[in-house]
């Protein structure tokens, strides 16, 4: 986070292919979160 992953850490140290893999797996994880059913998981308490 600090310093930015574009200047330090495992993303910085990875090669181009590795960075693309990390980025896409982040996007895939996010999509996986969104495709869950909040009602089935009883997450209604998160509404406001």
ModelCIF file with pLDDT and N, C-alpha, C, O atoms, coordinates in Angstrom:
data_MODEL
#
_entry.id   MODEL 
#
_entity.id                         1 
_entity.type                       polymer 
_entity.pdbx_number_of_molecules   1 
#
_entity_poly.entity_id                      1 
_entity_poly.type                           'polypeptide(L)' 
_entity_poly.nstd_linkage                   no 
_entity_poly.nstd_monomer                   no 
_entity_poly.pdbx_seq_one_letter_code       
;(UNK)(UNK)(UNK)(UNK)(UNK)(UNK)(UNK)(UNK)(UNK)(UNK)(UNK)(UNK)(UNK)(UNK)(UNK)(UNK)
(UNK)(UNK)(UNK)(UNK)(UNK)(UNK)(UNK)(UNK)(UNK)(UNK)(UNK)(UNK)(UNK)(UNK)(UNK)(UNK)
(UNK)(UNK)(UNK)(UNK)(UNK)(UNK)(UNK)(UNK)(UNK)(UNK)(UNK)(UNK)(UNK)(UNK)(UNK)(UNK)
;
_entity_poly.pdbx_seq_one_letter_code_can   XXXXXXXXXXXXXXXXXXXXXXXXXXXXXXXXXXXXXXXXXXXXXXXX 
_entity_poly.pdbx_strand_id                 A 
#
loop_
_entity_poly_seq.entity_id 
_entity_poly_seq.num 
_entity_poly_seq.mon_id 
_entity_poly_seq.hetero 
1 1  UNK n 
1 2  UNK n 
1 3  UNK n 
1 4  UNK n 
1 5  UNK n 
1 6  UNK n 
1 7  UNK n 
1 8  UNK n 
1 9  UNK n 
1 10 UNK n 
1 11 UNK n 
1 12 UNK n 
1 13 UNK n 
1 14 UNK n 
1 15 UNK n 
1 16 UNK n 
1 17 UNK n 
1 18 UNK n 
1 19 UNK n 
1 20 UNK n 
1 21 UNK n 
1 22 UNK n 
1 23 UNK n 
1 24 UNK n 
1 25 UNK n 
1 26 UNK n 
1 27 UNK n 
1 28 UNK n 
1 29 UNK n 
1 30 UNK n 
1 31 UNK n 
1 32 UNK n 
1 33 UNK n 
1 34 UNK n 
1 35 UNK n 
1 36 UNK n 
1 37 UNK n 
1 38 UNK n 
1 39 UNK n 
1 40 UNK n 
1 41 UNK n 
1 42 UNK n 
1 43 UNK n 
1 44 UNK n 
1 45 UNK n 
1 46 UNK n 
1 47 UNK n 
1 48 UNK n 
#
_struct_asym.id          A 
_struct_asym.entity_id   1 
#
loop_
_ma_qa_metric.id 
_ma_qa_metric.mode 
_ma_qa_metric.name 
_ma_qa_metric.software_group_id 
_ma_qa_metric.type 
1 global pLDDT . pLDDT 
2 local  pLDDT . pLDDT 
#
_ma_qa_metric_global.metric_id      1 
_ma_qa_metric_global.metric_value   96.35 
_ma_qa_metric_global.model_id       1 
_ma_qa_metric_global.ordinal_id     1 
#
loop_
_ma_qa_metric_local.label_asym_id 
_ma_qa_metric_local.label_comp_id 
_ma_qa_metric_local.label_seq_id 
_ma_qa_metric_local.metric_id 
_ma_qa_metric_local.metric_value 
_ma_qa_metric_local.model_id 
_ma_qa_metric_local.ordinal_id 
A UNK 1  2 85.00 1 1  
A UNK 2  2 83.00 1 2  
A UNK 3  2 89.00 1 3  
A UNK 4  2 92.00 1 4  
A UNK 5  2 95.00 1 5  
A UNK 6  2 96.00 1 6  
A UNK 7  2 94.00 1 7  
A UNK 8  2 94.00 1 8  
A UNK 9  2 95.00 1 9  
A UNK 10 2 96.00 1 10 
A UNK 11 2 97.00 1 11 
A UNK 12 2 96.00 1 12 
A UNK 13 2 97.00 1 13 
A UNK 14 2 97.00 1 14 
A UNK 15 2 97.00 1 15 
A UNK 16 2 97.00 1 16 
A UNK 17 2 98.00 1 17 
A UNK 18 2 98.00 1 18 
A UNK 19 2 98.00 1 19 
A UNK 20 2 98.00 1 20 
A UNK 21 2 98.00 1 21 
A UNK 22 2 98.00 1 22 
A UNK 23 2 98.00 1 23 
A UNK 24 2 98.00 1 24 
A UNK 25 2 97.00 1 25 
A UNK 26 2 98.00 1 26 
A UNK 27 2 98.00 1 27 
A UNK 28 2 98.00 1 28 
A UNK 29 2 98.00 1 29 
A UNK 30 2 98.00 1 30 
A UNK 31 2 98.00 1 31 
A UNK 32 2 98.00 1 32 
A UNK 33 2 98.00 1 33 
A UNK 34 2 98.00 1 34 
A UNK 35 2 98.00 1 35 
A UNK 36 2 98.00 1 36 
A UNK 37 2 98.00 1 37 
A UNK 38 2 98.00 1 38 
A UNK 39 2 97.00 1 39 
A UNK 40 2 97.00 1 40 
A UNK 41 2 98.00 1 41 
A UNK 42 2 97.00 1 42 
A UNK 43 2 98.00 1 43 
A UNK 44 2 97.00 1 44 
A UNK 45 2 97.00 1 45 
A UNK 46 2 97.00 1 46 
A UNK 47 2 96.00 1 47 
A UNK 48 2 96.00 1 48 
#
loop_
_atom_site.group_PDB 
_atom_site.id 
_atom_site.type_symbol 
_atom_site.label_atom_id 
_atom_site.label_alt_id 
_atom_site.label_comp_id 
_atom_site.label_asym_id 
_atom_site.label_entity_id 
_atom_site.label_seq_id 
_atom_site.pdbx_PDB_ins_code 
_atom_site.Cartn_x 
_atom_site.Cartn_y 
_atom_site.Cartn_z 
_atom_site.occupancy 
_atom_site.B_iso_or_equiv 
_atom_site.pdbx_formal_charge 
_atom_site.auth_seq_id 
_atom_site.auth_comp_id 
_atom_site.auth_asym_id 
_atom_site.auth_atom_id 
_atom_site.pdbx_PDB_model_num 
ATOM 1   N N  . UNK A 1 1  ? 0.837   -1.200  0.000   1.00 85.00 ? 1  UNK A N  1 
ATOM 2   C CA . UNK A 1 1  ? 0.000   0.000   0.000   1.00 85.00 ? 1  UNK A CA 1 
ATOM 3   C C  . UNK A 1 1  ? 0.872   1.250   0.000   1.00 85.00 ? 1  UNK A C  1 
ATOM 4   O O  . UNK A 1 1  ? 0.752   2.120   -0.863  1.00 85.00 ? 1  UNK A O  1 
ATOM 5   N N  . UNK A 1 2  ? 1.754   1.312   0.995   1.00 83.00 ? 2  UNK A N  1 
ATOM 6   C CA . UNK A 1 2  ? 2.654   2.448   1.184   1.00 83.00 ? 2  UNK A CA 1 
ATOM 7   C C  . UNK A 1 2  ? 4.063   1.908   1.384   1.00 83.00 ? 2  UNK A C  1 
ATOM 8   O O  . UNK A 1 2  ? 4.323   1.341   2.445   1.00 83.00 ? 2  UNK A O  1 
ATOM 9   N N  . UNK A 1 3  ? 4.976   2.041   0.453   1.00 89.00 ? 3  UNK A N  1 
ATOM 10  C CA . UNK A 1 3  ? 4.801   2.736   -0.826  1.00 89.00 ? 3  UNK A CA 1 
ATOM 11  C C  . UNK A 1 3  ? 3.918   1.945   -1.786  1.00 89.00 ? 3  UNK A C  1 
ATOM 12  O O  . UNK A 1 3  ? 3.632   0.769   -1.559  1.00 89.00 ? 3  UNK A O  1 
ATOM 13  N N  . UNK A 1 4  ? 3.496   2.596   -2.844  1.00 92.00 ? 4  UNK A N  1 
ATOM 14  C CA . UNK A 1 4  ? 2.604   2.009   -3.831  1.00 92.00 ? 4  UNK A CA 1 
ATOM 15  C C  . UNK A 1 4  ? 3.134   0.697   -4.385  1.00 92.00 ? 4  UNK A C  1 
ATOM 16  O O  . UNK A 1 4  ? 4.343   0.510   -4.522  1.00 92.00 ? 4  UNK A O  1 
ATOM 17  N N  . UNK A 1 5  ? 2.217   -0.210  -4.702  1.00 95.00 ? 5  UNK A N  1 
ATOM 18  C CA . UNK A 1 5  ? 2.615   -1.489  -5.298  1.00 95.00 ? 5  UNK A CA 1 
ATOM 19  C C  . UNK A 1 5  ? 3.267   -1.316  -6.671  1.00 95.00 ? 5  UNK A C  1 
ATOM 20  O O  . UNK A 1 5  ? 3.860   -2.255  -7.200  1.00 95.00 ? 5  UNK A O  1 
ATOM 21  N N  . UNK A 1 6  ? 3.157   -0.118  -7.246  1.00 96.00 ? 6  UNK A N  1 
ATOM 22  C CA . UNK A 1 6  ? 3.868   0.159   -8.499  1.00 96.00 ? 6  UNK A CA 1 
ATOM 23  C C  . UNK A 1 6  ? 5.330   0.528   -8.256  1.00 96.00 ? 6  UNK A C  1 
ATOM 24  O O  . UNK A 1 6  ? 6.092   0.709   -9.207  1.00 96.00 ? 6  UNK A O  1 
ATOM 25  N N  . UNK A 1 7  ? 5.722   0.640   -6.995  1.00 94.00 ? 7  UNK A N  1 
ATOM 26  C CA . UNK A 1 7  ? 7.112   1.027   -6.687  1.00 94.00 ? 7  UNK A CA 1 
ATOM 27  C C  . UNK A 1 7  ? 7.804   0.081   -5.711  1.00 94.00 ? 7  UNK A C  1 
ATOM 28  O O  . UNK A 1 7  ? 9.012   0.198   -5.504  1.00 94.00 ? 7  UNK A O  1 
ATOM 29  N N  . UNK A 1 8  ? 7.065   -0.857  -5.101  1.00 94.00 ? 8  UNK A N  1 
ATOM 30  C CA . UNK A 1 8  ? 7.683   -1.761  -4.117  1.00 94.00 ? 8  UNK A CA 1 
ATOM 31  C C  . UNK A 1 8  ? 6.783   -2.974  -3.897  1.00 94.00 ? 8  UNK A C  1 
ATOM 32  O O  . UNK A 1 8  ? 5.593   -2.950  -4.212  1.00 94.00 ? 8  UNK A O  1 
ATOM 33  N N  . UNK A 1 9  ? 7.380   -4.043  -3.345  1.00 95.00 ? 9  UNK A N  1 
ATOM 34  C CA . UNK A 1 9  ? 6.590   -5.210  -2.969  1.00 95.00 ? 9  UNK A CA 1 
ATOM 35  C C  . UNK A 1 9  ? 6.466   -6.261  -4.062  1.00 95.00 ? 9  UNK A C  1 
ATOM 36  O O  . UNK A 1 9  ? 7.119   -6.178  -5.103  1.00 95.00 ? 9  UNK A O  1 
ATOM 37  N N  . UNK A 1 10 ? 5.606   -7.264  -3.805  1.00 96.00 ? 10 UNK A N  1 
ATOM 38  C CA . UNK A 1 10 ? 5.566   -8.426  -4.695  1.00 96.00 ? 10 UNK A CA 1 
ATOM 39  C C  . UNK A 1 10 ? 5.019   -8.103  -6.090  1.00 96.00 ? 10 UNK A C  1 
ATOM 40  O O  . UNK A 1 10 ? 5.399   -8.760  -7.058  1.00 96.00 ? 10 UNK A O  1 
ATOM 41  N N  . UNK A 1 11 ? 4.147   -7.117  -6.211  1.00 97.00 ? 11 UNK A N  1 
ATOM 42  C CA . UNK A 1 11 ? 3.671   -6.730  -7.550  1.00 97.00 ? 11 UNK A CA 1 
ATOM 43  C C  . UNK A 1 11 ? 4.797   -6.065  -8.336  1.00 97.00 ? 11 UNK A C  1 
ATOM 44  O O  . UNK A 1 11 ? 4.993   -6.344  -9.519  1.00 97.00 ? 11 UNK A O  1 
ATOM 45  N N  . UNK A 1 12 ? 5.519   -5.198  -7.675  1.00 96.00 ? 12 UNK A N  1 
ATOM 46  C CA . UNK A 1 12 ? 6.657   -4.502  -8.293  1.00 96.00 ? 12 UNK A CA 1 
ATOM 47  C C  . UNK A 1 12 ? 7.737   -5.497  -8.723  1.00 96.00 ? 12 UNK A C  1 
ATOM 48  O O  . UNK A 1 12 ? 8.344   -5.355  -9.784  1.00 96.00 ? 12 UNK A O  1 
ATOM 49  N N  . UNK A 1 13 ? 7.960   -6.497  -7.886  1.00 97.00 ? 13 UNK A N  1 
ATOM 50  C CA . UNK A 1 13 ? 9.041   -7.455  -8.137  1.00 97.00 ? 13 UNK A CA 1 
ATOM 51  C C  . UNK A 1 13 ? 8.672   -8.522  -9.173  1.00 97.00 ? 13 UNK A C  1 
ATOM 52  O O  . UNK A 1 13 ? 9.554   -9.184  -9.719  1.00 97.00 ? 13 UNK A O  1 
ATOM 53  N N  . UNK A 1 14 ? 7.386   -8.689  -9.442  1.00 97.00 ? 14 UNK A N  1 
ATOM 54  C CA . UNK A 1 14 ? 6.943   -9.689  -10.418 1.00 97.00 ? 14 UNK A CA 1 
ATOM 55  C C  . UNK A 1 14 ? 7.295   -9.249  -11.834 1.00 97.00 ? 14 UNK A C  1 
ATOM 56  O O  . UNK A 1 14 ? 7.523   -8.065  -12.080 1.00 97.00 ? 14 UNK A O  1 
ATOM 57  N N  . UNK A 1 15 ? 7.341   -10.207 -12.772 1.00 97.00 ? 15 UNK A N  1 
ATOM 58  C CA . UNK A 1 15 ? 7.540   -9.833  -14.168 1.00 97.00 ? 15 UNK A CA 1 
ATOM 59  C C  . UNK A 1 15 ? 6.189   -9.417  -14.763 1.00 97.00 ? 15 UNK A C  1 
ATOM 60  O O  . UNK A 1 15 ? 5.166   -9.452  -14.080 1.00 97.00 ? 15 UNK A O  1 
ATOM 61  N N  . UNK A 1 16 ? 6.197   -9.027  -16.032 1.00 97.00 ? 16 UNK A N  1 
ATOM 62  C CA . UNK A 1 16 ? 4.965   -8.513  -16.638 1.00 97.00 ? 16 UNK A CA 1 
ATOM 63  C C  . UNK A 1 16 ? 3.842   -9.548  -16.597 1.00 97.00 ? 16 UNK A C  1 
ATOM 64  O O  . UNK A 1 16 ? 2.691   -9.221  -16.307 1.00 97.00 ? 16 UNK A O  1 
ATOM 65  N N  . UNK A 1 17 ? 4.187   -10.781 -16.889 1.00 98.00 ? 17 UNK A N  1 
ATOM 66  C CA . UNK A 1 17 ? 3.186   -11.850 -16.882 1.00 98.00 ? 17 UNK A CA 1 
ATOM 67  C C  . UNK A 1 17 ? 2.626   -12.049 -15.473 1.00 98.00 ? 17 UNK A C  1 
ATOM 68  O O  . UNK A 1 17 ? 1.426   -12.259 -15.298 1.00 98.00 ? 17 UNK A O  1 
ATOM 69  N N  . UNK A 1 18 ? 3.510   -11.981 -14.471 1.00 98.00 ? 18 UNK A N  1 
ATOM 70  C CA . UNK A 1 18 ? 3.074   -12.136 -13.084 1.00 98.00 ? 18 UNK A CA 1 
ATOM 71  C C  . UNK A 1 18 ? 2.160   -11.010 -12.637 1.00 98.00 ? 18 UNK A C  1 
ATOM 72  O O  . UNK A 1 18 ? 1.176   -11.240 -11.934 1.00 98.00 ? 18 UNK A O  1 
ATOM 73  N N  . UNK A 1 19 ? 2.488   -9.788  -13.046 1.00 98.00 ? 19 UNK A N  1 
ATOM 74  C CA . UNK A 1 19 ? 1.628   -8.654  -12.680 1.00 98.00 ? 19 UNK A CA 1 
ATOM 75  C C  . UNK A 1 19 ? 0.241   -8.791  -13.295 1.00 98.00 ? 19 UNK A C  1 
ATOM 76  O O  . UNK A 1 19 ? -0.770  -8.542  -12.638 1.00 98.00 ? 19 UNK A O  1 
ATOM 77  N N  . UNK A 1 20 ? 0.208   -9.191  -14.565 1.00 98.00 ? 20 UNK A N  1 
ATOM 78  C CA . UNK A 1 20 ? -1.092  -9.386  -15.216 1.00 98.00 ? 20 UNK A CA 1 
ATOM 79  C C  . UNK A 1 20 ? -1.896  -10.456 -14.488 1.00 98.00 ? 20 UNK A C  1 
ATOM 80  O O  . UNK A 1 20 ? -3.106  -10.312 -14.308 1.00 98.00 ? 20 UNK A O  1 
ATOM 81  N N  . UNK A 1 21 ? -1.234  -11.519 -14.072 1.00 98.00 ? 21 UNK A N  1 
ATOM 82  C CA . UNK A 1 21 ? -1.903  -12.601 -13.334 1.00 98.00 ? 21 UNK A CA 1 
ATOM 83  C C  . UNK A 1 21 ? -2.491  -12.077 -12.024 1.00 98.00 ? 21 UNK A C  1 
ATOM 84  O O  . UNK A 1 21 ? -3.637  -12.379 -11.691 1.00 98.00 ? 21 UNK A O  1 
ATOM 85  N N  . UNK A 1 22 ? -1.703  -11.287 -11.278 1.00 98.00 ? 22 UNK A N  1 
ATOM 86  C CA . UNK A 1 22 ? -2.179  -10.748 -10.001 1.00 98.00 ? 22 UNK A CA 1 
ATOM 87  C C  . UNK A 1 22 ? -3.376  -9.825  -10.214 1.00 98.00 ? 22 UNK A C  1 
ATOM 88  O O  . UNK A 1 22 ? -4.363  -9.891  -9.480  1.00 98.00 ? 22 UNK A O  1 
ATOM 89  N N  . UNK A 1 23 ? -3.277  -8.972  -11.219 1.00 98.00 ? 23 UNK A N  1 
ATOM 90  C CA . UNK A 1 23 ? -4.362  -8.026  -11.498 1.00 98.00 ? 23 UNK A CA 1 
ATOM 91  C C  . UNK A 1 23 ? -5.645  -8.762  -11.858 1.00 98.00 ? 23 UNK A C  1 
ATOM 92  O O  . UNK A 1 23 ? -6.715  -8.479  -11.318 1.00 98.00 ? 23 UNK A O  1 
ATOM 93  N N  . UNK A 1 24 ? -5.517  -9.722  -12.790 1.00 98.00 ? 24 UNK A N  1 
ATOM 94  C CA . UNK A 1 24 ? -6.722  -10.429 -13.237 1.00 98.00 ? 24 UNK A CA 1 
ATOM 95  C C  . UNK A 1 24 ? -7.317  -11.275 -12.128 1.00 98.00 ? 24 UNK A C  1 
ATOM 96  O O  . UNK A 1 24 ? -8.536  -11.421 -12.048 1.00 98.00 ? 24 UNK A O  1 
ATOM 97  N N  . UNK A 1 25 ? -6.475  -11.833 -11.272 1.00 97.00 ? 25 UNK A N  1 
ATOM 98  C CA . UNK A 1 25 ? -7.034  -12.614 -10.157 1.00 97.00 ? 25 UNK A CA 1 
ATOM 99  C C  . UNK A 1 25 ? -7.755  -11.716 -9.163  1.00 97.00 ? 25 UNK A C  1 
ATOM 100 O O  . UNK A 1 25 ? -8.723  -12.140 -8.531  1.00 97.00 ? 25 UNK A O  1 
ATOM 101 N N  . UNK A 1 26 ? -7.292  -10.479 -9.021  1.00 98.00 ? 26 UNK A N  1 
ATOM 102 C CA . UNK A 1 26 ? -8.020  -9.511  -8.194  1.00 98.00 ? 26 UNK A CA 1 
ATOM 103 C C  . UNK A 1 26 ? -9.394  -9.232  -8.793  1.00 98.00 ? 26 UNK A C  1 
ATOM 104 O O  . UNK A 1 26 ? -10.398 -9.229  -8.082  1.00 98.00 ? 26 UNK A O  1 
ATOM 105 N N  . UNK A 1 27 ? -9.435  -8.996  -10.110 1.00 98.00 ? 27 UNK A N  1 
ATOM 106 C CA . UNK A 1 27 ? -10.701 -8.715  -10.785 1.00 98.00 ? 27 UNK A CA 1 
ATOM 107 C C  . UNK A 1 27 ? -11.631 -9.929  -10.694 1.00 98.00 ? 27 UNK A C  1 
ATOM 108 O O  . UNK A 1 27 ? -12.834 -9.780  -10.479 1.00 98.00 ? 27 UNK A O  1 
ATOM 109 N N  . UNK A 1 28 ? -11.072 -11.119 -10.858 1.00 98.00 ? 28 UNK A N  1 
ATOM 110 C CA . UNK A 1 28 ? -11.879 -12.339 -10.774 1.00 98.00 ? 28 UNK A CA 1 
ATOM 111 C C  . UNK A 1 28 ? -12.432 -12.542 -9.364  1.00 98.00 ? 28 UNK A C  1 
ATOM 112 O O  . UNK A 1 28 ? -13.574 -12.967 -9.192  1.00 98.00 ? 28 UNK A O  1 
ATOM 113 N N  . UNK A 1 29 ? -11.615 -12.237 -8.365  1.00 98.00 ? 29 UNK A N  1 
ATOM 114 C CA . UNK A 1 29 ? -12.073 -12.347 -6.974  1.00 98.00 ? 29 UNK A CA 1 
ATOM 115 C C  . UNK A 1 29 ? -13.221 -11.380 -6.706  1.00 98.00 ? 29 UNK A C  1 
ATOM 116 O O  . UNK A 1 29 ? -14.215 -11.741 -6.076  1.00 98.00 ? 29 UNK A O  1 
ATOM 117 N N  . UNK A 1 30 ? -13.074 -10.155 -7.189  1.00 98.00 ? 30 UNK A N  1 
ATOM 118 C CA . UNK A 1 30 ? -14.123 -9.141  -7.025  1.00 98.00 ? 30 UNK A CA 1 
ATOM 119 C C  . UNK A 1 30 ? -15.421 -9.598  -7.688  1.00 98.00 ? 30 UNK A C  1 
ATOM 120 O O  . UNK A 1 30 ? -16.495 -9.478  -7.099  1.00 98.00 ? 30 UNK A O  1 
ATOM 121 N N  . UNK A 1 31 ? -15.325 -10.116 -8.896  1.00 98.00 ? 31 UNK A N  1 
ATOM 122 C CA . UNK A 1 31 ? -16.514 -10.611 -9.592  1.00 98.00 ? 31 UNK A CA 1 
ATOM 123 C C  . UNK A 1 31 ? -17.147 -11.771 -8.822  1.00 98.00 ? 31 UNK A C  1 
ATOM 124 O O  . UNK A 1 31 ? -18.370 -11.894 -8.759  1.00 98.00 ? 31 UNK A O  1 
ATOM 125 N N  . UNK A 1 32 ? -16.312 -12.604 -8.249  1.00 98.00 ? 32 UNK A N  1 
ATOM 126 C CA . UNK A 1 32 ? -16.810 -13.736 -7.446  1.00 98.00 ? 32 UNK A CA 1 
ATOM 127 C C  . UNK A 1 32 ? -17.624 -13.239 -6.253  1.00 98.00 ? 32 UNK A C  1 
ATOM 128 O O  . UNK A 1 32 ? -18.662 -13.809 -5.919  1.00 98.00 ? 32 UNK A O  1 
ATOM 129 N N  . UNK A 1 33 ? -17.146 -12.176 -5.619  1.00 98.00 ? 33 UNK A N  1 
ATOM 130 C CA . UNK A 1 33 ? -17.892 -11.564 -4.507  1.00 98.00 ? 33 UNK A CA 1 
ATOM 131 C C  . UNK A 1 33 ? -19.267 -11.105 -4.985  1.00 98.00 ? 33 UNK A C  1 
ATOM 132 O O  . UNK A 1 33 ? -20.273 -11.332 -4.313  1.00 98.00 ? 33 UNK A O  1 
ATOM 133 N N  . UNK A 1 34 ? -19.304 -10.464 -6.137  1.00 98.00 ? 34 UNK A N  1 
ATOM 134 C CA . UNK A 1 34 ? -20.547 -9.874  -6.627  1.00 98.00 ? 34 UNK A CA 1 
ATOM 135 C C  . UNK A 1 34 ? -21.554 -10.912 -7.088  1.00 98.00 ? 34 UNK A C  1 
ATOM 136 O O  . UNK A 1 34 ? -22.755 -10.642 -7.107  1.00 98.00 ? 34 UNK A O  1 
ATOM 137 N N  . UNK A 1 35 ? -21.089 -12.085 -7.458  1.00 98.00 ? 35 UNK A N  1 
ATOM 138 C CA . UNK A 1 35 ? -21.996 -13.130 -7.930  1.00 98.00 ? 35 UNK A CA 1 
ATOM 139 C C  . UNK A 1 35 ? -22.568 -13.968 -6.787  1.00 98.00 ? 35 UNK A C  1 
ATOM 140 O O  . UNK A 1 35 ? -23.380 -14.864 -7.022  1.00 98.00 ? 35 UNK A O  1 
ATOM 141 N N  . UNK A 1 36 ? -22.153 -13.683 -5.556  1.00 98.00 ? 36 UNK A N  1 
ATOM 142 C CA . UNK A 1 36 ? -22.743 -14.357 -4.391  1.00 98.00 ? 36 UNK A CA 1 
ATOM 143 C C  . UNK A 1 36 ? -24.167 -13.856 -4.156  1.00 98.00 ? 36 UNK A C  1 
ATOM 144 O O  . UNK A 1 36 ? -24.523 -12.757 -4.581  1.00 98.00 ? 36 UNK A O  1 
ATOM 145 N N  . UNK A 1 37 ? -24.963 -14.654 -3.487  1.00 98.00 ? 37 UNK A N  1 
ATOM 146 C CA . UNK A 1 37 ? -26.348 -14.287 -3.162  1.00 98.00 ? 37 UNK A CA 1 
ATOM 147 C C  . UNK A 1 37 ? -26.402 -13.758 -1.724  1.00 98.00 ? 37 UNK A C  1 
ATOM 148 O O  . UNK A 1 37 ? -26.325 -14.550 -0.785  1.00 98.00 ? 37 UNK A O  1 
ATOM 149 N N  . UNK A 1 38 ? -26.534 -12.429 -1.528  1.00 98.00 ? 38 UNK A N  1 
ATOM 150 C CA . UNK A 1 38 ? -26.530 -11.873 -0.170  1.00 98.00 ? 38 UNK A CA 1 
ATOM 151 C C  . UNK A 1 38 ? -27.654 -12.429 0.711   1.00 98.00 ? 38 UNK A C  1 
ATOM 152 O O  . UNK A 1 38 ? -27.483 -12.595 1.919   1.00 98.00 ? 38 UNK A O  1 
ATOM 153 N N  . UNK A 1 39 ? -28.789 -12.709 0.097   1.00 97.00 ? 39 UNK A N  1 
ATOM 154 C CA . UNK A 1 39 ? -29.918 -13.236 0.876   1.00 97.00 ? 39 UNK A CA 1 
ATOM 155 C C  . UNK A 1 39 ? -29.615 -14.638 1.385   1.00 97.00 ? 39 UNK A C  1 
ATOM 156 O O  . UNK A 1 39 ? -29.871 -14.964 2.545   1.00 97.00 ? 39 UNK A O  1 
ATOM 157 N N  . UNK A 1 40 ? -29.070 -15.455 0.504   1.00 97.00 ? 40 UNK A N  1 
ATOM 158 C CA . UNK A 1 40 ? -28.717 -16.824 0.898   1.00 97.00 ? 40 UNK A CA 1 
ATOM 159 C C  . UNK A 1 40 ? -27.666 -16.822 2.002   1.00 97.00 ? 40 UNK A C  1 
ATOM 160 O O  . UNK A 1 40 ? -27.674 -17.695 2.870   1.00 97.00 ? 40 UNK A O  1 
ATOM 161 N N  . UNK A 1 41 ? -26.758 -15.841 1.974   1.00 98.00 ? 41 UNK A N  1 
ATOM 162 C CA . UNK A 1 41 ? -25.685 -15.750 2.972   1.00 98.00 ? 41 UNK A CA 1 
ATOM 163 C C  . UNK A 1 41 ? -26.103 -14.981 4.226   1.00 98.00 ? 41 UNK A C  1 
ATOM 164 O O  . UNK A 1 41 ? -25.303 -14.785 5.140   1.00 98.00 ? 41 UNK A O  1 
ATOM 165 N N  . UNK A 1 42 ? -27.357 -14.551 4.258   1.00 97.00 ? 42 UNK A N  1 
ATOM 166 C CA . UNK A 1 42 ? -27.912 -13.806 5.418   1.00 97.00 ? 42 UNK A CA 1 
ATOM 167 C C  . UNK A 1 42 ? -27.090 -12.549 5.717   1.00 97.00 ? 42 UNK A C  1 
ATOM 168 O O  . UNK A 1 42 ? -26.660 -12.308 6.845   1.00 97.00 ? 42 UNK A O  1 
ATOM 169 N N  . UNK A 1 43 ? -26.891 -11.760 4.656   1.00 98.00 ? 43 UNK A N  1 
ATOM 170 C CA . UNK A 1 43 ? -26.118 -10.527 4.782   1.00 98.00 ? 43 UNK A CA 1 
ATOM 171 C C  . UNK A 1 43 ? -27.011 -9.286  4.795   1.00 98.00 ? 43 UNK A C  1 
ATOM 172 O O  . UNK A 1 43 ? -26.535 -8.172  4.574   1.00 98.00 ? 43 UNK A O  1 
ATOM 173 N N  . UNK A 1 44 ? -28.287 -9.480  5.050   1.00 97.00 ? 44 UNK A N  1 
ATOM 174 C CA . UNK A 1 44 ? -29.220 -8.349  5.062   1.00 97.00 ? 44 UNK A CA 1 
ATOM 175 C C  . UNK A 1 44 ? -28.870 -7.270  6.066   1.00 97.00 ? 44 UNK A C  1 
ATOM 176 O O  . UNK A 1 44 ? -29.282 -6.121  5.910   1.00 97.00 ? 44 UNK A O  1 
ATOM 177 N N  . UNK A 1 45 ? -28.110 -7.625  7.103   1.00 97.00 ? 45 UNK A N  1 
ATOM 178 C CA . UNK A 1 45 ? -27.721 -6.632  8.120   1.00 97.00 ? 45 UNK A CA 1 
ATOM 179 C C  . UNK A 1 45 ? -26.795 -5.561  7.557   1.00 97.00 ? 45 UNK A C  1 
ATOM 180 O O  . UNK A 1 45 ? -26.550 -4.553  8.221   1.00 97.00 ? 45 UNK A O  1 
ATOM 181 N N  . UNK A 1 46 ? -26.271 -5.759  6.335   1.00 97.00 ? 46 UNK A N  1 
ATOM 182 C CA . UNK A 1 46 ? -25.390 -4.767  5.722   1.00 97.00 ? 46 UNK A CA 1 
ATOM 183 C C  . UNK A 1 46 ? -26.156 -3.655  5.008   1.00 97.00 ? 46 UNK A C  1 
ATOM 184 O O  . UNK A 1 46 ? -25.554 -2.683  4.553   1.00 97.00 ? 46 UNK A O  1 
ATOM 185 N N  . UNK A 1 47 ? -27.471 -3.788  4.908   1.00 96.00 ? 47 UNK A N  1 
ATOM 186 C CA . UNK A 1 47 ? -28.275 -2.710  4.326   1.00 96.00 ? 47 UNK A CA 1 
ATOM 187 C C  . UNK A 1 47 ? -28.346 -1.542  5.306   1.00 96.00 ? 47 UNK A C  1 
ATOM 188 O O  . UNK A 1 47 ? -28.077 -1.714  6.496   1.00 96.00 ? 47 UNK A O  1 
ATOM 189 N N  . UNK A 1 48 ? -28.706 -0.356  4.814   1.00 96.00 ? 48 UNK A N  1 
ATOM 190 C CA . UNK A 1 48 ? -28.734 0.849   5.653   1.00 96.00 ? 48 UNK A CA 1 
ATOM 191 C C  . UNK A 1 48 ? -30.096 1.554   5.526   1.00 96.00 ? 48 UNK A C  1 
ATOM 192 O O  . UNK A 1 48 ? -30.317 2.588   6.157   1.00 96.00 ? 48 UNK A O  1 
#
